[in-house]
Amino acid sequence: GAGVTGFQPMFVILILGGRALGPGFGFSLGMVSMFGS
């Protein structure tokens, strides 16, 4: 999703992962995903 559009498909994984597995998991998922990317 990097480029001139600003579109970031990774956000969908963060949102759906946090939704399915809870807020604590979603918080950790966001941190680890952004660091890994």
All heavy atoms as atom14 arrays in JSON, in Angstrom:
{
  "sequence": "GAGVTGFQPMFVILILGGRALGPGFGFSLGMVSMFGS",
  "atom14_mask": [
    [1, 1, 1, 1, 0, 0, 0, 0, 0, 0, 0, 0, 0, 0],
    [1, 1, 1, 1, 1, 0, 0, 0, 0, 0, 0, 0, 0, 0],
    [1, 1, 1, 1, 0, 0, 0, 0, 0, 0, 0, 0, 0, 0],
    [1, 1, 1, 1, 1, 1, 1, 0, 0, 0, 0, 0, 0, 0],
    [1, 1, 1, 1, 1, 1, 1, 0, 0, 0, 0, 0, 0, 0],
    [1, 1, 1, 1, 0, 0, 0, 0, 0, 0, 0, 0, 0, 0],
    [1, 1, 1, 1, 1, 1, 1, 1, 1, 1, 1, 0, 0, 0],
    [1, 1, 1, 1, 1, 1, 1, 1, 1, 0, 0, 0, 0, 0],
    [1, 1, 1, 1, 1, 1, 1, 0, 0, 0, 0, 0, 0, 0],
    [1, 1, 1, 1, 1, 1, 1, 1, 0, 0, 0, 0, 0, 0],
    [1, 1, 1, 1, 1, 1, 1, 1, 1, 1, 1, 0, 0, 0],
    [1, 1, 1, 1, 1, 1, 1, 0, 0, 0, 0, 0, 0, 0],
    [1, 1, 1, 1, 1, 1, 1, 1, 0, 0, 0, 0, 0, 0],
    [1, 1, 1, 1, 1, 1, 1, 1, 0, 0, 0, 0, 0, 0],
    [1, 1, 1, 1, 1, 1, 1, 1, 0, 0, 0, 0, 0, 0],
    [1, 1, 1, 1, 1, 1, 1, 1, 0, 0, 0, 0, 0, 0],
    [1, 1, 1, 1, 0, 0, 0, 0, 0, 0, 0, 0, 0, 0],
    [1, 1, 1, 1, 0, 0, 0, 0, 0, 0, 0, 0, 0, 0],
    [1, 1, 1, 1, 1, 1, 1, 1, 1, 1, 1, 0, 0, 0],
    [1, 1, 1, 1, 1, 0, 0, 0, 0, 0, 0, 0, 0, 0],
    [1, 1, 1, 1, 1, 1, 1, 1, 0, 0, 0, 0, 0, 0],
    [1, 1, 1, 1, 0, 0, 0, 0, 0, 0, 0, 0, 0, 0],
    [1, 1, 1, 1, 1, 1, 1, 0, 0, 0, 0, 0, 0, 0],
    [1, 1, 1, 1, 0, 0, 0, 0, 0, 0, 0, 0, 0, 0],
    [1, 1, 1, 1, 1, 1, 1, 1, 1, 1, 1, 0, 0, 0],
    [1, 1, 1, 1, 0, 0, 0, 0, 0, 0, 0, 0, 0, 0],
    [1, 1, 1, 1, 1, 1, 1, 1, 1, 1, 1, 0, 0, 0],
    [1, 1, 1, 1, 1, 1, 0, 0, 0, 0, 0, 0, 0, 0],
    [1, 1, 1, 1, 1, 1, 1, 1, 0, 0, 0, 0, 0, 0],
    [1, 1, 1, 1, 0, 0, 0, 0, 0, 0, 0, 0, 0, 0],
    [1, 1, 1, 1, 1, 1, 1, 1, 0, 0, 0, 0, 0, 0],
    [1, 1, 1, 1, 1, 1, 1, 0, 0, 0, 0, 0, 0, 0],
    [1, 1, 1, 1, 1, 1, 0, 0, 0, 0, 0, 0, 0, 0],
    [1, 1, 1, 1, 1, 1, 1, 1, 0, 0, 0, 0, 0, 0],
    [1, 1, 1, 1, 1, 1, 1, 1, 1, 1, 1, 0, 0, 0],
    [1, 1, 1, 1, 0, 0, 0, 0, 0, 0, 0, 0, 0, 0],
    [1, 1, 1, 1, 1, 1, 0, 0, 0, 0, 0, 0, 0, 0]
  ],
  "atom14_positions": [
    [[0.8, -1.22, 0.0], [0.0, 0.0, 0.0], [0.83, 1.26, 0.0], [0.28, 2.36, -0.02], [0.0, 0.0, 0.0], [0.0, 0.0, 0.0], [0.0, 0.0, 0.0], [0.0, 0.0, 0.0], [0.0, 0.0, 0.0], [0.0, 0.0, 0.0], [0.0, 0.0, 0.0], [0.0, 0.0, 0.0], [0.0, 0.0, 0.0], [0.0, 0.0, 0.0]],
    [[2.15, 1.12, 0.09], [2.99, 2.31, 0.12], [3.01, 2.97, -1.24], [3.03, 2.31, -2.27], [4.42, 1.94, 0.56], [0.0, 0.0, 0.0], [0.0, 0.0, 0.0], [0.0, 0.0, 0.0], [0.0, 0.0, 0.0], [0.0, 0.0, 0.0], [0.0, 0.0, 0.0], [0.0, 0.0, 0.0], [0.0, 0.0, 0.0], [0.0, 0.0, 0.0]],
    [[3.02, 4.26, -1.25], [3.03, 4.98, -2.52], [2.28, 6.28, -2.42], [2.12, 6.85, -1.35], [0.0, 0.0, 0.0], [0.0, 0.0, 0.0], [0.0, 0.0, 0.0], [0.0, 0.0, 0.0], [0.0, 0.0, 0.0], [0.0, 0.0, 0.0], [0.0, 0.0, 0.0], [0.0, 0.0, 0.0], [0.0, 0.0, 0.0], [0.0, 0.0, 0.0]],
    [[1.79, 6.75, -3.56], [1.21, 8.09, -3.62], [-0.25, 8.12, -3.18], [-0.81, 9.2, -3.0], [1.32, 8.64, -5.06], [2.77, 8.8, -5.45], [0.59, 7.74, -6.06], [0.0, 0.0, 0.0], [0.0, 0.0, 0.0], [0.0, 0.0, 0.0], [0.0, 0.0, 0.0], [0.0, 0.0, 0.0], [0.0, 0.0, 0.0], [0.0, 0.0, 0.0]],
    [[-0.88, 6.96, -2.99], [-2.3, 6.96, -2.67], [-2.59, 7.06, -1.18], [-3.64, 7.55, -0.78], [-2.99, 5.7, -3.22], [-2.43, 4.55, -2.57], [-2.77, 5.59, -4.72], [0.0, 0.0, 0.0], [0.0, 0.0, 0.0], [0.0, 0.0, 0.0], [0.0, 0.0, 0.0], [0.0, 0.0, 0.0], [0.0, 0.0, 0.0], [0.0, 0.0, 0.0]],
    [[-1.69, 6.56, -0.34], [-1.94, 6.53, 1.09], [-2.68, 5.3, 1.55], [-2.84, 5.07, 2.76], [0.0, 0.0, 0.0], [0.0, 0.0, 0.0], [0.0, 0.0, 0.0], [0.0, 0.0, 0.0], [0.0, 0.0, 0.0], [0.0, 0.0, 0.0], [0.0, 0.0, 0.0], [0.0, 0.0, 0.0], [0.0, 0.0, 0.0], [0.0, 0.0, 0.0]],
    [[-3.16, 4.46, 0.64], [-3.91, 3.25, 0.98], [-3.0, 2.25, 1.69], [-1.9, 1.97, 1.23], [-4.5, 2.65, -0.29], [-5.13, 1.3, -0.09], [-6.1, 1.11, 0.88], [-4.76, 0.24, -0.88], [-6.69, -0.11, 1.06], [-5.35, -1.0, -0.71], [-6.32, -1.18, 0.26], [0.0, 0.0, 0.0], [0.0, 0.0, 0.0], [0.0, 0.0, 0.0]],
    [[-3.45, 1.69, 2.81], [-2.66, 0.75, 3.6], [-3.5, -0.49, 3.93], [-4.28, -0.48, 4.88], [-2.18, 1.41, 4.9], [-1.11, 2.45, 4.73], [0.24, 1.83, 4.35], [0.39, 0.62, 4.35], [1.2, 2.67, 4.03], [0.0, 0.0, 0.0], [0.0, 0.0, 0.0], [0.0, 0.0, 0.0], [0.0, 0.0, 0.0], [0.0, 0.0, 0.0]],
    [[-3.36, -1.58, 3.16], [-4.16, -2.78, 3.45], [-3.85, -3.43, 4.78], [-4.65, -4.21, 5.29], [-3.81, -3.72, 2.28], [-2.51, -3.21, 1.74], [-2.52, -1.73, 1.96], [0.0, 0.0, 0.0], [0.0, 0.0, 0.0], [0.0, 0.0, 0.0], [0.0, 0.0, 0.0], [0.0, 0.0, 0.0], [0.0, 0.0, 0.0], [0.0, 0.0, 0.0]],
    [[-2.68, -3.12, 5.38], [-2.35, -3.72, 6.67], [-3.35, -3.34, 7.76], [-3.54, -4.08, 8.73], [-0.93, -3.33, 7.1], [-0.78, -1.91, 7.59], [0.85, -1.55, 8.33], [0.8, -2.53, 9.82], [0.0, 0.0, 0.0], [0.0, 0.0, 0.0], [0.0, 0.0, 0.0], [0.0, 0.0, 0.0], [0.0, 0.0, 0.0], [0.0, 0.0, 0.0]],
    [[-4.01, -2.18, 7.61], [-4.95, -1.73, 8.63], [-6.12, -2.7, 8.78], [-6.68, -2.83, 9.86], [-5.47, -0.33, 8.29], [-4.57, 0.77, 8.76], [-3.36, 1.01, 8.12], [-4.91, 1.57, 9.82], [-2.51, 2.01, 8.55], [-4.07, 2.58, 10.27], [-2.87, 2.8, 9.63], [0.0, 0.0, 0.0], [0.0, 0.0, 0.0], [0.0, 0.0, 0.0]],
    [[-6.47, -3.38, 7.7], [-7.59, -4.32, 7.77], [-7.23, -5.48, 8.69], [-8.07, -5.95, 9.47], [-7.94, -4.82, 6.36], [-9.03, -5.87, 6.42], [-8.38, -3.65, 5.48], [0.0, 0.0, 0.0], [0.0, 0.0, 0.0], [0.0, 0.0, 0.0], [0.0, 0.0, 0.0], [0.0, 0.0, 0.0], [0.0, 0.0, 0.0], [0.0, 0.0, 0.0]],
    [[-5.98, -5.96, 8.64], [-5.55, -7.04, 9.53], [-5.56, -6.57, 10.98], [-5.98, -7.32, 11.87], [-4.14, -7.52, 9.13], [-4.13, -8.0, 7.68], [-3.69, -8.63, 10.07], [-5.07, -9.15, 7.39], [0.0, 0.0, 0.0], [0.0, 0.0, 0.0], [0.0, 0.0, 0.0], [0.0, 0.0, 0.0], [0.0, 0.0, 0.0], [0.0, 0.0, 0.0]],
    [[-5.11, -5.35, 11.22], [-5.12, -4.83, 12.6], [-6.54, -4.74, 13.13], [-6.81, -5.1, 14.28], [-4.46, -3.44, 12.64], [-3.04, -3.31, 12.09], [-2.52, -1.89, 12.33], [-2.12, -4.34, 12.7], [0.0, 0.0, 0.0], [0.0, 0.0, 0.0], [0.0, 0.0, 0.0], [0.0, 0.0, 0.0], [0.0, 0.0, 0.0], [0.0, 0.0, 0.0]],
    [[-7.44, -4.24, 12.31], [-8.83, -4.06, 12.75], [-9.51, -5.4, 12.98], [-10.15, -5.63, 14.03], [-9.6, -3.21, 11.72], [-9.07, -1.78, 11.72], [-11.1, -3.22, 12.02], [-9.6, -0.92, 10.59], [0.0, 0.0, 0.0], [0.0, 0.0, 0.0], [0.0, 0.0, 0.0], [0.0, 0.0, 0.0], [0.0, 0.0, 0.0], [0.0, 0.0, 0.0]],
    [[-9.38, -6.32, 12.03], [-10.05, -7.61, 12.16], [-9.39, -8.48, 13.24], [-10.07, -9.21, 13.96], [-10.06, -8.33, 10.82], [-10.79, -7.6, 9.68], [-10.77, -8.43, 8.41], [-12.21, -7.26, 10.08], [0.0, 0.0, 0.0], [0.0, 0.0, 0.0], [0.0, 0.0, 0.0], [0.0, 0.0, 0.0], [0.0, 0.0, 0.0], [0.0, 0.0, 0.0]],
    [[-8.07, -8.39, 13.37], [-7.4, -9.13, 14.43], [-7.79, -8.64, 15.8], [-8.06, -9.44, 16.72], [0.0, 0.0, 0.0], [0.0, 0.0, 0.0], [0.0, 0.0, 0.0], [0.0, 0.0, 0.0], [0.0, 0.0, 0.0], [0.0, 0.0, 0.0], [0.0, 0.0, 0.0], [0.0, 0.0, 0.0], [0.0, 0.0, 0.0], [0.0, 0.0, 0.0]],
    [[-7.83, -7.32, 15.98], [-8.26, -6.77, 17.26], [-9.71, -7.09, 17.55], [-10.07, -7.38, 18.71], [0.0, 0.0, 0.0], [0.0, 0.0, 0.0], [0.0, 0.0, 0.0], [0.0, 0.0, 0.0], [0.0, 0.0, 0.0], [0.0, 0.0, 0.0], [0.0, 0.0, 0.0], [0.0, 0.0, 0.0], [0.0, 0.0, 0.0], [0.0, 0.0, 0.0]],
    [[-10.55, -7.06, 16.52], [-11.97, -7.37, 16.72], [-12.17, -8.82, 17.15], [-12.94, -9.11, 18.07], [-12.72, -7.11, 15.41], [-14.19, -7.51, 15.43], [-14.96, -6.73, 16.46], [-16.36, -7.09, 16.5], [-17.22, -6.63, 17.38], [-16.83, -5.77, 18.3], [-18.49, -6.99, 17.35], [0.0, 0.0, 0.0], [0.0, 0.0, 0.0], [0.0, 0.0, 0.0]],
    [[-11.47, -9.74, 16.49], [-11.7, -11.16, 16.76], [-11.03, -11.64, 18.04], [-11.55, -12.55, 18.7], [-11.2, -11.99, 15.57], [0.0, 0.0, 0.0], [0.0, 0.0, 0.0], [0.0, 0.0, 0.0], [0.0, 0.0, 0.0], [0.0, 0.0, 0.0], [0.0, 0.0, 0.0], [0.0, 0.0, 0.0], [0.0, 0.0, 0.0], [0.0, 0.0, 0.0]],
    [[-9.89, -11.03, 18.42], [-9.08, -11.58, 19.49], [-8.95, -10.67, 20.7], [-8.2, -10.97, 21.63], [-7.7, -11.95, 18.96], [-7.73, -13.02, 17.86], [-6.35, -13.21, 17.25], [-8.24, -14.34, 18.41], [0.0, 0.0, 0.0], [0.0, 0.0, 0.0], [0.0, 0.0, 0.0], [0.0, 0.0, 0.0], [0.0, 0.0, 0.0], [0.0, 0.0, 0.0]],
    [[-9.62, -9.52, 20.7], [-9.67, -8.69, 21.89], [-8.75, -7.48, 21.85], [-7.81, -7.42, 21.05], [0.0, 0.0, 0.0], [0.0, 0.0, 0.0], [0.0, 0.0, 0.0], [0.0, 0.0, 0.0], [0.0, 0.0, 0.0], [0.0, 0.0, 0.0], [0.0, 0.0, 0.0], [0.0, 0.0, 0.0], [0.0, 0.0, 0.0], [0.0, 0.0, 0.0]],
    [[-9.01, -6.51, 22.73], [-8.26, -5.25, 22.71], [-6.79, -5.41, 23.06], [-5.93, -4.74, 22.48], [-8.99, -4.38, 23.74], [-9.74, -5.35, 24.61], [-10.1, -6.49, 23.73], [0.0, 0.0, 0.0], [0.0, 0.0, 0.0], [0.0, 0.0, 0.0], [0.0, 0.0, 0.0], [0.0, 0.0, 0.0], [0.0, 0.0, 0.0], [0.0, 0.0, 0.0]],
    [[-6.46, -6.29, 24.03], [-5.06, -6.49, 24.39], [-4.27, -7.05, 23.22], [-3.15, -6.61, 22.93], [0.0, 0.0, 0.0], [0.0, 0.0, 0.0], [0.0, 0.0, 0.0], [0.0, 0.0, 0.0], [0.0, 0.0, 0.0], [0.0, 0.0, 0.0], [0.0, 0.0, 0.0], [0.0, 0.0, 0.0], [0.0, 0.0, 0.0], [0.0, 0.0, 0.0]],
    [[-4.86, -8.02, 22.53], [-4.22, -8.6, 21.35], [-4.11, -7.55, 20.25], [-3.08, -7.46, 19.57], [-5.03, -9.79, 20.85], [-4.36, -10.56, 19.74], [-3.57, -11.66, 20.03], [-4.53, -10.19, 18.42], [-2.95, -12.38, 19.02], [-3.92, -10.9, 17.39], [-3.12, -12.0, 17.69], [0.0, 0.0, 0.0], [0.0, 0.0, 0.0], [0.0, 0.0, 0.0]],
    [[-5.17, -6.76, 20.04], [-5.14, -5.73, 19.0], [-4.06, -4.7, 19.24], [-3.38, -4.25, 18.29], [0.0, 0.0, 0.0], [0.0, 0.0, 0.0], [0.0, 0.0, 0.0], [0.0, 0.0, 0.0], [0.0, 0.0, 0.0], [0.0, 0.0, 0.0], [0.0, 0.0, 0.0], [0.0, 0.0, 0.0], [0.0, 0.0, 0.0], [0.0, 0.0, 0.0]],
    [[-3.88, -4.29, 20.5], [-2.84, -3.32, 20.83], [-1.46, -3.89, 20.51], [-0.63, -3.23, 19.88], [-2.94, -2.97, 22.32], [-2.09, -1.79, 22.73], [-2.6, -0.5, 22.7], [-0.79, -1.98, 23.16], [-1.82, 0.58, 23.09], [0.01, -0.91, 23.55], [-0.52, 0.38, 23.51], [0.0, 0.0, 0.0], [0.0, 0.0, 0.0], [0.0, 0.0, 0.0]],
    [[-1.21, -5.13, 20.94], [0.08, -5.77, 20.68], [0.29, -6.0, 19.18], [1.4, -5.82, 18.66], [0.17, -7.1, 21.43], [0.01, -6.91, 22.81], [0.0, 0.0, 0.0], [0.0, 0.0, 0.0], [0.0, 0.0, 0.0], [0.0, 0.0, 0.0], [0.0, 0.0, 0.0], [0.0, 0.0, 0.0], [0.0, 0.0, 0.0], [0.0, 0.0, 0.0]],
    [[-0.77, -6.39, 18.48], [-0.68, -6.63, 17.05], [-0.28, -5.37, 16.3], [0.55, -5.41, 15.38], [-2.02, -7.16, 16.52], [-2.11, -7.43, 15.02], [-1.1, -8.49, 14.59], [-3.53, -7.85, 14.64], [0.0, 0.0, 0.0], [0.0, 0.0, 0.0], [0.0, 0.0, 0.0], [0.0, 0.0, 0.0], [0.0, 0.0, 0.0], [0.0, 0.0, 0.0]],
    [[-0.85, -4.23, 16.68], [-0.5, -2.98, 16.03], [0.96, -2.63, 16.22], [1.66, -2.24, 15.27], [0.0, 0.0, 0.0], [0.0, 0.0, 0.0], [0.0, 0.0, 0.0], [0.0, 0.0, 0.0], [0.0, 0.0, 0.0], [0.0, 0.0, 0.0], [0.0, 0.0, 0.0], [0.0, 0.0, 0.0], [0.0, 0.0, 0.0], [0.0, 0.0, 0.0]],
    [[1.46, -2.77, 17.45], [2.86, -2.45, 17.72], [3.81, -3.36, 16.96], [4.74, -2.91, 16.3], [3.14, -2.55, 19.23], [2.61, -1.4, 20.05], [3.39, -1.32, 21.69], [2.8, -2.85, 22.4], [0.0, 0.0, 0.0], [0.0, 0.0, 0.0], [0.0, 0.0, 0.0], [0.0, 0.0, 0.0], [0.0, 0.0, 0.0], [0.0, 0.0, 0.0]],
    [[3.58, -4.67, 17.06], [4.49, -5.62, 16.44], [4.44, -5.52, 14.92], [5.48, -5.6, 14.24], [4.15, -7.05, 16.91], [5.01, -8.09, 16.2], [4.33, -7.17, 18.42], [0.0, 0.0, 0.0], [0.0, 0.0, 0.0], [0.0, 0.0, 0.0], [0.0, 0.0, 0.0], [0.0, 0.0, 0.0], [0.0, 0.0, 0.0], [0.0, 0.0, 0.0]],
    [[3.25, -5.35, 14.36], [3.11, -5.26, 12.9], [3.84, -4.06, 12.34], [4.54, -4.15, 11.32], [1.63, -5.19, 12.51], [0.94, -6.34, 12.93], [0.0, 0.0, 0.0], [0.0, 0.0, 0.0], [0.0, 0.0, 0.0], [0.0, 0.0, 0.0], [0.0, 0.0, 0.0], [0.0, 0.0, 0.0], [0.0, 0.0, 0.0], [0.0, 0.0, 0.0]],
    [[3.68, -2.91, 12.99], [4.32, -1.7, 12.49], [5.84, -1.8, 12.63], [6.58, -1.36, 11.73], [3.8, -0.48, 13.25], [4.21, 0.85, 12.63], [3.64, 1.08, 10.92], [1.87, 1.36, 11.18], [0.0, 0.0, 0.0], [0.0, 0.0, 0.0], [0.0, 0.0, 0.0], [0.0, 0.0, 0.0], [0.0, 0.0, 0.0], [0.0, 0.0, 0.0]],
    [[6.32, -2.39, 13.71], [7.76, -2.56, 13.87], [8.31, -3.53, 12.82], [9.35, -3.28, 12.21], [8.08, -3.07, 15.28], [9.55, -3.23, 15.53], [10.36, -2.13, 15.75], [10.13, -4.5, 15.55], [11.72, -2.28, 15.98], [11.48, -4.66, 15.78], [12.29, -3.54, 16.0], [0.0, 0.0, 0.0], [0.0, 0.0, 0.0], [0.0, 0.0, 0.0]],
    [[7.59, -4.63, 12.59], [8.03, -5.6, 11.59], [8.05, -5.01, 10.19], [8.98, -5.26, 9.41], [0.0, 0.0, 0.0], [0.0, 0.0, 0.0], [0.0, 0.0, 0.0], [0.0, 0.0, 0.0], [0.0, 0.0, 0.0], [0.0, 0.0, 0.0], [0.0, 0.0, 0.0], [0.0, 0.0, 0.0], [0.0, 0.0, 0.0], [0.0, 0.0, 0.0]],
    [[7.04, -4.23, 9.85], [7.01, -3.61, 8.52], [8.12, -2.59, 8.36], [8.67, -2.41, 7.27], [5.65, -2.96, 8.28], [5.46, -1.84, 9.13], [0.0, 0.0, 0.0], [0.0, 0.0, 0.0], [0.0, 0.0, 0.0], [0.0, 0.0, 0.0], [0.0, 0.0, 0.0], [0.0, 0.0, 0.0], [0.0, 0.0, 0.0], [0.0, 0.0, 0.0]]
  ]
}
